[in-house]
C-alpha atoms as a PDB file:
ATOM      1  CA  MET A   1      -9.959  18.398  47.215  1.00  0.00           C
ATOM      2  CA  ASN A   2      -6.307  18.134  46.487  1.00  0.00           C
ATOM      3  CA  LYS A   3      -4.208  16.538  49.209  1.00  0.00           C
ATOM      4  CA  GLY A   4      -1.914  19.584  49.341  1.00  0.00           C
ATOM      5  CA  ARG A   5      -4.646  21.533  51.140  1.00  0.00           C
ATOM      6  CA  LEU A   6      -5.094  18.707  53.631  1.00  0.00           C
ATOM      7  CA  GLU A   7      -1.337  18.576  54.271  1.00  0.00           C
ATOM      8  CA  ALA A   8      -1.086  22.357  54.670  1.00  0.00           C
ATOM      9  CA  PHE A   9      -4.025  22.493  57.084  1.00  0.00           C
ATOM     10  CA  SER A  10      -2.660  19.602  59.148  1.00  0.00           C
ATOM     11  CA  ASP A  11       0.841  21.106  59.244  1.00  0.00           C
ATOM     12  CA  GLY A  12      -0.651  24.392  60.429  1.00  0.00           C
ATOM     13  CA  VAL A  13      -2.590  22.724  63.240  1.00  0.00           C
ATOM     14  CA  LEU A  14       0.500  20.791  64.362  1.00  0.00           C
ATOM     15  CA  ALA A  15       2.590  23.986  64.344  1.00  0.00           C
ATOM     16  CA  ILE A  16      -0.033  25.716  66.491  1.00  0.00           C
ATOM     17  CA  ILE A  17      -0.071  22.788  68.929  1.00  0.00           C
ATOM     18  CA  ILE A  18       3.698  23.090  69.425  1.00  0.00           C
ATOM     19  CA  THR A  19       3.434  26.871  69.792  1.00  0.00           C
ATOM     20  CA  ILE A  20       0.734  26.578  72.452  1.00  0.00           C
ATOM     21  CA  MET A  21       2.843  24.074  74.389  1.00  0.00           C
ATOM     22  CA  ILE A  22       5.892  26.336  74.572  1.00  0.00           C
ATOM     23  CA  LEU A  23       3.776  29.360  75.494  1.00  0.00           C
ATOM     24  CA  GLU A  24       2.697  27.471  78.621  1.00  0.00           C
ATOM     25  CA  ILE A  25       6.266  27.737  79.932  1.00  0.00           C
ATOM     26  CA  LYS A  26       6.712  31.183  81.424  1.00  0.00           C
ATOM     27  CA  ALA A  27      10.083  32.752  82.224  1.00  0.00           C
ATOM     28  CA  PRO A  28      10.919  32.670  85.949  1.00  0.00           C
ATOM     29  CA  GLU A  29      10.537  35.816  88.040  1.00  0.00           C
ATOM     30  CA  GLY A  30      14.059  35.690  89.450  1.00  0.00           C
ATOM     31  CA  HIS A  31      17.458  36.039  87.835  1.00  0.00           C
ATOM     32  CA  GLU A  32      19.297  33.099  89.418  1.00  0.00           C
ATOM     33  CA  PHE A  33      19.735  29.629  87.930  1.00  0.00           C
ATOM     34  CA  SER A  34      17.940  28.267  90.994  1.00  0.00           C
ATOM     35  CA  ASP A  35      14.829  30.126  89.798  1.00  0.00           C
ATOM     36  CA  LEU A  36      14.657  27.682  86.880  1.00  0.00           C
ATOM     37  CA  LYS A  37      14.123  24.677  89.176  1.00  0.00           C
ATOM     38  CA  PRO A  38      10.292  24.985  89.276  1.00  0.00           C
ATOM     39  CA  LEU A  39      10.288  24.904  85.453  1.00  0.00           C
ATOM     40  CA  ILE A  40      11.961  21.477  85.225  1.00  0.00           C
ATOM     41  CA  PRO A  41       8.714  19.421  85.293  1.00  0.00           C
ATOM     42  CA  LYS A  42       7.116  21.755  82.748  1.00  0.00           C
ATOM     43  CA  PHE A  43      10.147  21.559  80.487  1.00  0.00           C
ATOM     44  CA  LEU A  44      10.371  17.753  80.737  1.00  0.00           C
ATOM     45  CA  SER A  45       6.681  17.371  79.899  1.00  0.00           C
ATOM     46  CA  TYR A  46       7.162  19.806  76.994  1.00  0.00           C
ATOM     47  CA  ILE A  47      10.096  17.786  75.632  1.00  0.00           C
ATOM     48  CA  LEU A  48       8.116  14.534  75.718  1.00  0.00           C
ATOM     49  CA  SER A  49       5.078  16.122  74.085  1.00  0.00           C
ATOM     50  CA  PHE A  50       7.224  17.873  71.483  1.00  0.00           C
ATOM     51  CA  ILE A  51       8.702  14.484  70.565  1.00  0.00           C
ATOM     52  CA  TYR A  52       5.204  12.998  70.276  1.00  0.00           C
ATOM     53  CA  VAL A  53       3.916  15.802  68.054  1.00  0.00           C
ATOM     54  CA  GLY A  54       7.084  15.551  65.943  1.00  0.00           C
ATOM     55  CA  ILE A  55       6.621  11.805  65.534  1.00  0.00           C
ATOM     56  CA  TYR A  56       3.011  12.269  64.479  1.00  0.00           C
ATOM     57  CA  TRP A  57       3.976  15.072  62.088  1.00  0.00           C
ATOM     58  CA  ASN A  58       6.634  12.870  60.459  1.00  0.00           C
ATOM     59  CA  ASN A  59       4.421   9.797  60.127  1.00  0.00           C
ATOM     60  CA  HIS A  60       1.417  11.875  59.055  1.00  0.00           C
ATOM     61  CA  HIS A  61       3.549  13.256  56.216  1.00  0.00           C
ATOM     62  CA  TYR A  62       4.258   9.739  54.960  1.00  0.00           C
ATOM     63  CA  LEU A  63       0.660   8.722  55.498  1.00  0.00           C
ATOM     64  CA  LEU A  64      -0.656  11.567  53.348  1.00  0.00           C
ATOM     65  CA  HIS A  65       2.043  10.876  50.772  1.00  0.00           C
ATOM     66  CA  SER A  66       0.341   7.507  50.220  1.00  0.00           C
ATOM     67  CA  LEU A  67      -2.966   9.224  49.511  1.00  0.00           C
ATOM     68  CA  SER A  68      -4.031   9.671  45.888  1.00  0.00           C
ATOM     69  CA  LYS A  69      -7.483  11.147  46.472  1.00  0.00           C
ATOM     70  CA  VAL A  70      -9.185  12.989  49.308  1.00  0.00           C
ATOM     71  CA  ASN A  71     -12.798  12.274  50.193  1.00  0.00           C
ATOM     72  CA  GLY A  72     -15.099  13.222  53.041  1.00  0.00           C
ATOM     73  CA  LYS A  73     -14.192  10.187  55.141  1.00  0.00           C
ATOM     74  CA  VAL A  74     -10.499  11.029  54.931  1.00  0.00           C
ATOM     75  CA  LEU A  75     -11.205  14.673  55.831  1.00  0.00           C
ATOM     76  CA  TRP A  76     -13.272  13.752  58.883  1.00  0.00           C
ATOM     77  CA  SER A  77     -10.812  11.068  59.990  1.00  0.00           C
ATOM     78  CA  ASN A  78      -7.998  13.599  59.728  1.00  0.00           C
ATOM     79  CA  LEU A  79      -9.988  16.163  61.746  1.00  0.00           C
ATOM     80  CA  HIS A  80     -10.720  13.488  64.358  1.00  0.00           C
ATOM     81  CA  PHE A  81      -6.983  12.809  64.612  1.00  0.00           C
ATOM     82  CA  LEU A  82      -6.147  16.522  64.867  1.00  0.00           C
ATOM     83  CA  PHE A  83      -8.796  16.965  67.570  1.00  0.00           C
ATOM     84  CA  TRP A  84      -7.079  14.493  69.887  1.00  0.00           C
ATOM     85  CA  LEU A  85      -3.657  15.926  69.133  1.00  0.00           C
ATOM     86  CA  SER A  86      -4.964  19.406  69.964  1.00  0.00           C
ATOM     87  CA  LEU A  87      -5.569  18.215  73.541  1.00  0.00           C
ATOM     88  CA  ILE A  88      -1.883  17.414  74.038  1.00  0.00           C
ATOM     89  CA  PRO A  89      -1.007  20.995  75.128  1.00  0.00           C
ATOM     90  CA  VAL A  90      -3.651  20.944  77.881  1.00  0.00           C
ATOM     91  CA  SER A  91      -2.590  17.576  79.257  1.00  0.00           C
ATOM     92  CA  THR A  92       1.080  18.546  78.923  1.00  0.00           C
ATOM     93  CA  ALA A  93       0.542  21.765  80.869  1.00  0.00           C
ATOM     94  CA  TRP A  94      -1.430  19.986  83.583  1.00  0.00           C
ATOM     95  CA  MET A  95       1.209  17.269  83.918  1.00  0.00           C
ATOM     96  CA  GLY A  96       4.090  19.767  84.104  1.00  0.00           C
ATOM     97  CA  GLU A  97       2.273  22.189  86.399  1.00  0.00           C
ATOM     98  CA  HIS A  98       1.478  19.459  88.915  1.00  0.00           C
ATOM     99  CA  ASN A  99       4.783  17.564  88.912  1.00  0.00           C
ATOM    100  CA  PHE A 100       3.548  14.433  87.145  1.00  0.00           C
ATOM    101  CA  GLU A 101       0.819  13.680  89.693  1.00  0.00           C
ATOM    102  CA  LYS A 102      -1.407  10.655  89.157  1.00  0.00           C
ATOM    103  CA  ALA A 103      -4.493  12.330  87.687  1.00  0.00           C
ATOM    104  CA  ALA A 104      -2.399  14.390  85.271  1.00  0.00           C
ATOM    105  CA  MET A 105      -0.420  11.337  84.167  1.00  0.00           C
ATOM    106  CA  THR A 106      -3.660   9.423  83.649  1.00  0.00           C
ATOM    107  CA  MET A 107      -5.150  12.221  81.562  1.00  0.00           C
ATOM    108  CA  TYR A 108      -1.953  12.520  79.529  1.00  0.00           C
ATOM    109  CA  GLY A 109      -2.069   8.791  78.795  1.00  0.00           C
ATOM    110  CA  VAL A 110      -5.730   8.927  77.793  1.00  0.00           C
ATOM    111  CA  VAL A 111      -4.984  11.758  75.342  1.00  0.00           C
ATOM    112  CA  LEU A 112      -2.024   9.808  73.913  1.00  0.00           C
ATOM    113  CA  LEU A 113      -4.097   6.624  73.622  1.00  0.00           C
ATOM    114  CA  LEU A 114      -6.970   8.396  71.867  1.00  0.00           C
ATOM    115  CA  SER A 115      -4.510  10.197  69.569  1.00  0.00           C
ATOM    116  CA  ALA A 116      -3.035   6.819  68.623  1.00  0.00           C
ATOM    117  CA  ILE A 117      -6.459   5.266  68.057  1.00  0.00           C
ATOM    118  CA  SER A 118      -7.528   8.207  65.898  1.00  0.00           C
ATOM    119  CA  TYR A 119      -4.319   7.871  63.880  1.00  0.00           C
ATOM    120  CA  ILE A 120      -5.063   4.175  63.325  1.00  0.00           C
ATOM    121  CA  ILE A 121      -8.580   5.119  62.197  1.00  0.00           C
ATOM    122  CA  LEU A 122      -7.061   7.638  59.754  1.00  0.00           C
ATOM    123  CA  GLN A 123      -4.686   4.956  58.412  1.00  0.00           C
ATOM    124  CA  TYR A 124      -7.564   2.527  57.987  1.00  0.00           C
ATOM    125  CA  THR A 125      -9.716   5.156  56.257  1.00  0.00           C
ATOM    126  CA  ILE A 126      -6.917   5.943  53.808  1.00  0.00           C
ATOM    127  CA  MET A 127      -6.275   2.243  53.158  1.00  0.00           C
ATOM    128  CA  CYS A 128      -9.977   1.702  52.421  1.00  0.00           C
ATOM    129  CA  SER A 129     -10.041   4.789  50.203  1.00  0.00           C
ATOM    130  CA  GLU A 130      -7.004   3.610  48.236  1.00  0.00           C
ATOM    131  CA  GLY A 131      -8.233   0.046  47.751  1.00  0.00           C
ATOM    132  CA  SER A 132      -6.988  -3.425  48.628  1.00  0.00           C
ATOM    133  CA  ASN A 133      -3.722  -3.072  46.667  1.00  0.00           C
ATOM    134  CA  SER A 134      -2.718   0.273  48.177  1.00  0.00           C
ATOM    135  CA  ALA A 135       0.921   0.953  48.929  1.00  0.00           C
ATOM    136  CA  LEU A 136      -0.048   1.907  52.484  1.00  0.00           C
ATOM    137  CA  ARG A 137      -1.721  -1.454  53.124  1.00  0.00           C
ATOM    138  CA  LYS A 138       1.425  -3.231  51.888  1.00  0.00           C
ATOM    139  CA  ALA A 139       3.670  -1.027  54.004  1.00  0.00           C
ATOM    140  CA  LEU A 140       1.788  -1.380  57.282  1.00  0.00           C
ATOM    141  CA  ASN A 141       1.045  -5.082  57.028  1.00  0.00           C
ATOM    142  CA  LYS A 142       0.634  -6.307  60.616  1.00  0.00           C
ATOM    143  CA  ASP A 143       1.717  -3.070  62.379  1.00  0.00           C
ATOM    144  CA  TYR A 144       3.281  -4.639  65.474  1.00  0.00           C
ATOM    145  CA  LYS A 145       4.735  -1.313  66.553  1.00  0.00           C
ATOM    146  CA  GLY A 146       1.271   0.252  66.620  1.00  0.00           C
ATOM    147  CA  LYS A 147      -0.182  -2.614  68.652  1.00  0.00           C
ATOM    148  CA  ILE A 148       2.684  -2.539  71.157  1.00  0.00           C
ATOM    149  CA  SER A 149       2.154   1.213  71.543  1.00  0.00           C
ATOM    150  CA  LEU A 150      -1.526   0.780  72.391  1.00  0.00           C
ATOM    151  CA  VAL A 151      -0.675  -1.826  75.038  1.00  0.00           C
ATOM    152  CA  LEU A 152       1.985   0.446  76.554  1.00  0.00           C
ATOM    153  CA  TYR A 153      -0.456   3.382  76.679  1.00  0.00           C
ATOM    154  CA  ILE A 154      -2.985   1.234  78.535  1.00  0.00           C
ATOM    155  CA  ILE A 155      -0.261   0.066  80.930  1.00  0.00           C
ATOM    156  CA  GLY A 156       0.724   3.699  81.460  1.00  0.00           C
ATOM    157  CA  ILE A 157      -2.867   4.760  82.176  1.00  0.00           C
ATOM    158  CA  VAL A 158      -3.510   1.925  84.634  1.00  0.00           C
ATOM    159  CA  THR A 159      -0.172   2.251  86.451  1.00  0.00           C
ATOM    160  CA  ALA A 160      -0.609   6.031  86.795  1.00  0.00           C
ATOM    161  CA  PHE A 161      -3.042   5.296  89.643  1.00  0.00           C
ATOM    162  CA  PHE A 162      -0.317   3.445  91.570  1.00  0.00           C
ATOM    163  CA  ASN A 163       3.018   4.793  90.395  1.00  0.00           C
ATOM    164  CA  GLN A 164       3.278   7.745  88.040  1.00  0.00           C
ATOM    165  CA  TRP A 165       6.958   7.037  87.304  1.00  0.00           C
ATOM    166  CA  VAL A 166       6.154   3.625  85.837  1.00  0.00           C
ATOM    167  CA  SER A 167       3.399   5.325  83.874  1.00  0.00           C
ATOM    168  CA  GLY A 168       5.849   7.935  82.591  1.00  0.00           C
ATOM    169  CA  ALA A 169       8.289   5.186  81.646  1.00  0.00           C
ATOM    170  CA  ALA A 170       5.572   3.535  79.515  1.00  0.00           C
ATOM    171  CA  TYR A 171       4.849   6.822  77.691  1.00  0.00           C
ATOM    172  CA  PHE A 172       8.564   7.480  77.246  1.00  0.00           C
ATOM    173  CA  THR A 173       9.091   3.958  75.866  1.00  0.00           C
ATOM    174  CA  VAL A 174       6.417   4.502  73.206  1.00  0.00           C
ATOM    175  CA  ALA A 175       8.058   7.780  72.189  1.00  0.00           C
ATOM    176  CA  MET A 176      11.457   6.073  71.883  1.00  0.00           C
ATOM    177  CA  LEU A 177       9.874   3.233  69.916  1.00  0.00           C
ATOM    178  CA  TRP A 178       8.629   5.732  67.319  1.00  0.00           C
ATOM    179  CA  LEU A 179      11.469   8.260  67.488  1.00  0.00           C
ATOM    180  CA  ILE A 180      13.180   6.571  64.587  1.00  0.00           C
ATOM    181  CA  PRO A 181      10.843   7.352  61.672  1.00  0.00           C
ATOM    182  CA  ASP A 182       8.623   4.551  60.452  1.00  0.00           C
ATOM    183  CA  LYS A 183      10.469   3.417  57.327  1.00  0.00           C
ATOM    184  CA  ARG A 184       7.815   0.973  56.131  1.00  0.00           C
ATOM    185  CA  ILE A 185       5.954   3.569  54.093  1.00  0.00           C
ATOM    186  CA  GLY A 186       9.112   5.266  52.826  1.00  0.00           C
ATOM    187  CA  ARG A 187      10.477   1.953  51.536  1.00  0.00           C
ATOM    188  CA  ILE A 188       7.326   1.238  49.567  1.00  0.00           C
ATOM    189  CA  PHE A 189       7.437   4.622  47.829  1.00  0.00           C
ATOM    190  CA  SER A 190      11.164   4.522  47.111  1.00  0.00           C
ATOM    191  CA  SER A 191      10.784   1.071  45.518  1.00  0.00           C
ATOM    192  CA  ASN A 192       7.914   2.360  43.324  1.00  0.00           C
ATOM    193  CA  GLU A 193       9.934   5.301  41.959  1.00  0.00           C
END
């Protein structure tokens, strides 16, 4: 399979995920600005999740750019990654609908953690597929940012049982950590051209 099909399929799934998230926010019944107040938690959870999906879309693009051949392991690893991302709209809706309550914040963190783990598995699968001298392996090296993210997700999940605002701060911190695109892969490809 050519990687263009894999990219197109993945882009389509990510676009659907974003569409589902926004469709969860319904227009208020009233016509006053005060009628928007109940939508604030939903909108805030949507913004955070939109940022996460955007970050994954951006980094996934670079990740697939490093790929020279697609095999079954890469396909299944990519589907595994997309599966966890597809749960973001459900956890986002639950979190926004219930004003960031503890169970919703915990579930949101679990989905984010498993999305991150599945992304790491996809990276590893591509690195193995491309061989020991792959550009991706050189670019990622020790991946401190990825390891810090996993720790922050776990902190967010555990603290959600005690204080959902600390939990939210952990999830927000990870998003801000990755908001600036990961330049490691881009640098490798620009130096090879």
